[in-house]
Amino acid sequence: MLIAYLREFFPQFSDAEILLADNLRQTRNKIAYKGFFVPPDFVERNDAKMRELAIKTITVLKEKLEK
């Protein structure tokens, strides 16, 4: 639901960024509810993209709060 909200109300995010956010949400749920361990290569492959998404999210939220 949160991902659908992001897609609908924050057009600044590309489809690829929304898919990454959803993938990270699913991974977090697996960790929390199934005891899933994230393979180190997942982090290595996605580190730059996750950082970019975090920075963009912070920037968009700051802009939204300033209005």
Protein backbone atom coordinates (compact mmCIF):
# COMPACT_ATOMS: atom_id res chain seq x y z
CA MET A 1 0.00 0.00 0.00
CA LEU A 2 2.79 2.41 0.82
CA ILE A 3 4.40 1.69 -2.53
CA ALA A 4 1.12 2.45 -4.32
CA TYR A 5 0.93 5.74 -2.37
CA LEU A 6 4.46 6.58 -3.45
CA ARG A 7 3.63 5.82 -7.09
CA GLU A 8 0.44 7.90 -7.02
CA PHE A 9 1.49 10.98 -5.08
CA PHE A 10 5.22 11.29 -5.77
CA PRO A 11 5.79 11.34 -9.52
CA GLN A 12 9.41 12.34 -8.88
CA PHE A 13 10.18 8.65 -8.39
CA SER A 14 10.78 6.54 -11.48
CA ASP A 15 9.32 3.08 -11.95
CA ALA A 16 12.76 1.61 -11.29
CA GLU A 17 13.02 3.47 -7.97
CA ILE A 18 9.55 2.34 -6.95
CA LEU A 19 10.41 -1.27 -7.83
CA LEU A 20 13.59 -1.01 -5.75
CA ALA A 21 11.62 0.39 -2.80
CA ASP A 22 9.14 -2.48 -3.09
CA ASN A 23 11.96 -5.03 -3.32
CA LEU A 24 13.54 -3.56 -0.19
CA ARG A 25 10.15 -3.68 1.58
CA GLN A 26 9.74 -7.35 0.69
CA THR A 27 13.29 -8.11 1.85
CA ARG A 28 12.69 -6.34 5.16
CA ASN A 29 9.51 -8.36 5.68
CA LYS A 30 11.39 -11.61 5.03
CA ILE A 31 14.03 -10.57 7.56
CA ALA A 32 11.47 -9.59 10.19
CA TYR A 33 9.00 -12.45 9.80
CA LYS A 34 10.98 -15.38 8.41
CA GLY A 35 14.47 -14.85 9.80
CA PHE A 36 15.83 -14.35 6.28
CA PHE A 37 19.52 -13.48 5.94
CA VAL A 38 20.42 -11.06 3.18
CA PRO A 39 23.27 -12.33 1.03
CA PRO A 40 26.22 -9.94 1.03
CA ASP A 41 26.16 -9.74 -2.76
CA PHE A 42 22.61 -8.28 -2.61
CA VAL A 43 23.95 -5.32 -0.67
CA GLU A 44 27.01 -5.02 -2.90
CA ARG A 45 24.87 -5.04 -6.06
CA ASN A 46 22.34 -2.55 -4.76
CA ASP A 47 24.37 -0.32 -2.44
CA ALA A 48 24.64 2.67 -4.79
CA LYS A 49 20.98 2.46 -5.84
CA MET A 50 19.81 2.20 -2.22
CA ARG A 51 21.89 5.21 -1.23
CA GLU A 52 20.56 7.24 -4.17
CA LEU A 53 16.99 6.28 -3.27
CA ALA A 54 17.52 7.25 0.38
CA ILE A 55 19.01 10.63 -0.56
CA LYS A 56 16.23 11.32 -3.05
CA THR A 57 13.57 10.34 -0.51
CA ILE A 58 15.05 12.69 2.10
CA THR A 59 15.23 15.51 -0.45
CA VAL A 60 11.64 15.03 -1.61
CA LEU A 61 10.36 14.89 1.96
CA LYS A 62 12.26 18.05 2.94
CA GLU A 63 10.77 19.86 -0.06
CA LYS A 64 7.30 18.63 0.90
CA LEU A 65 7.71 19.78 4.51
CA GLU A 66 8.88 23.25 3.45
CA LYS A 67 5.64 23.92 1.57
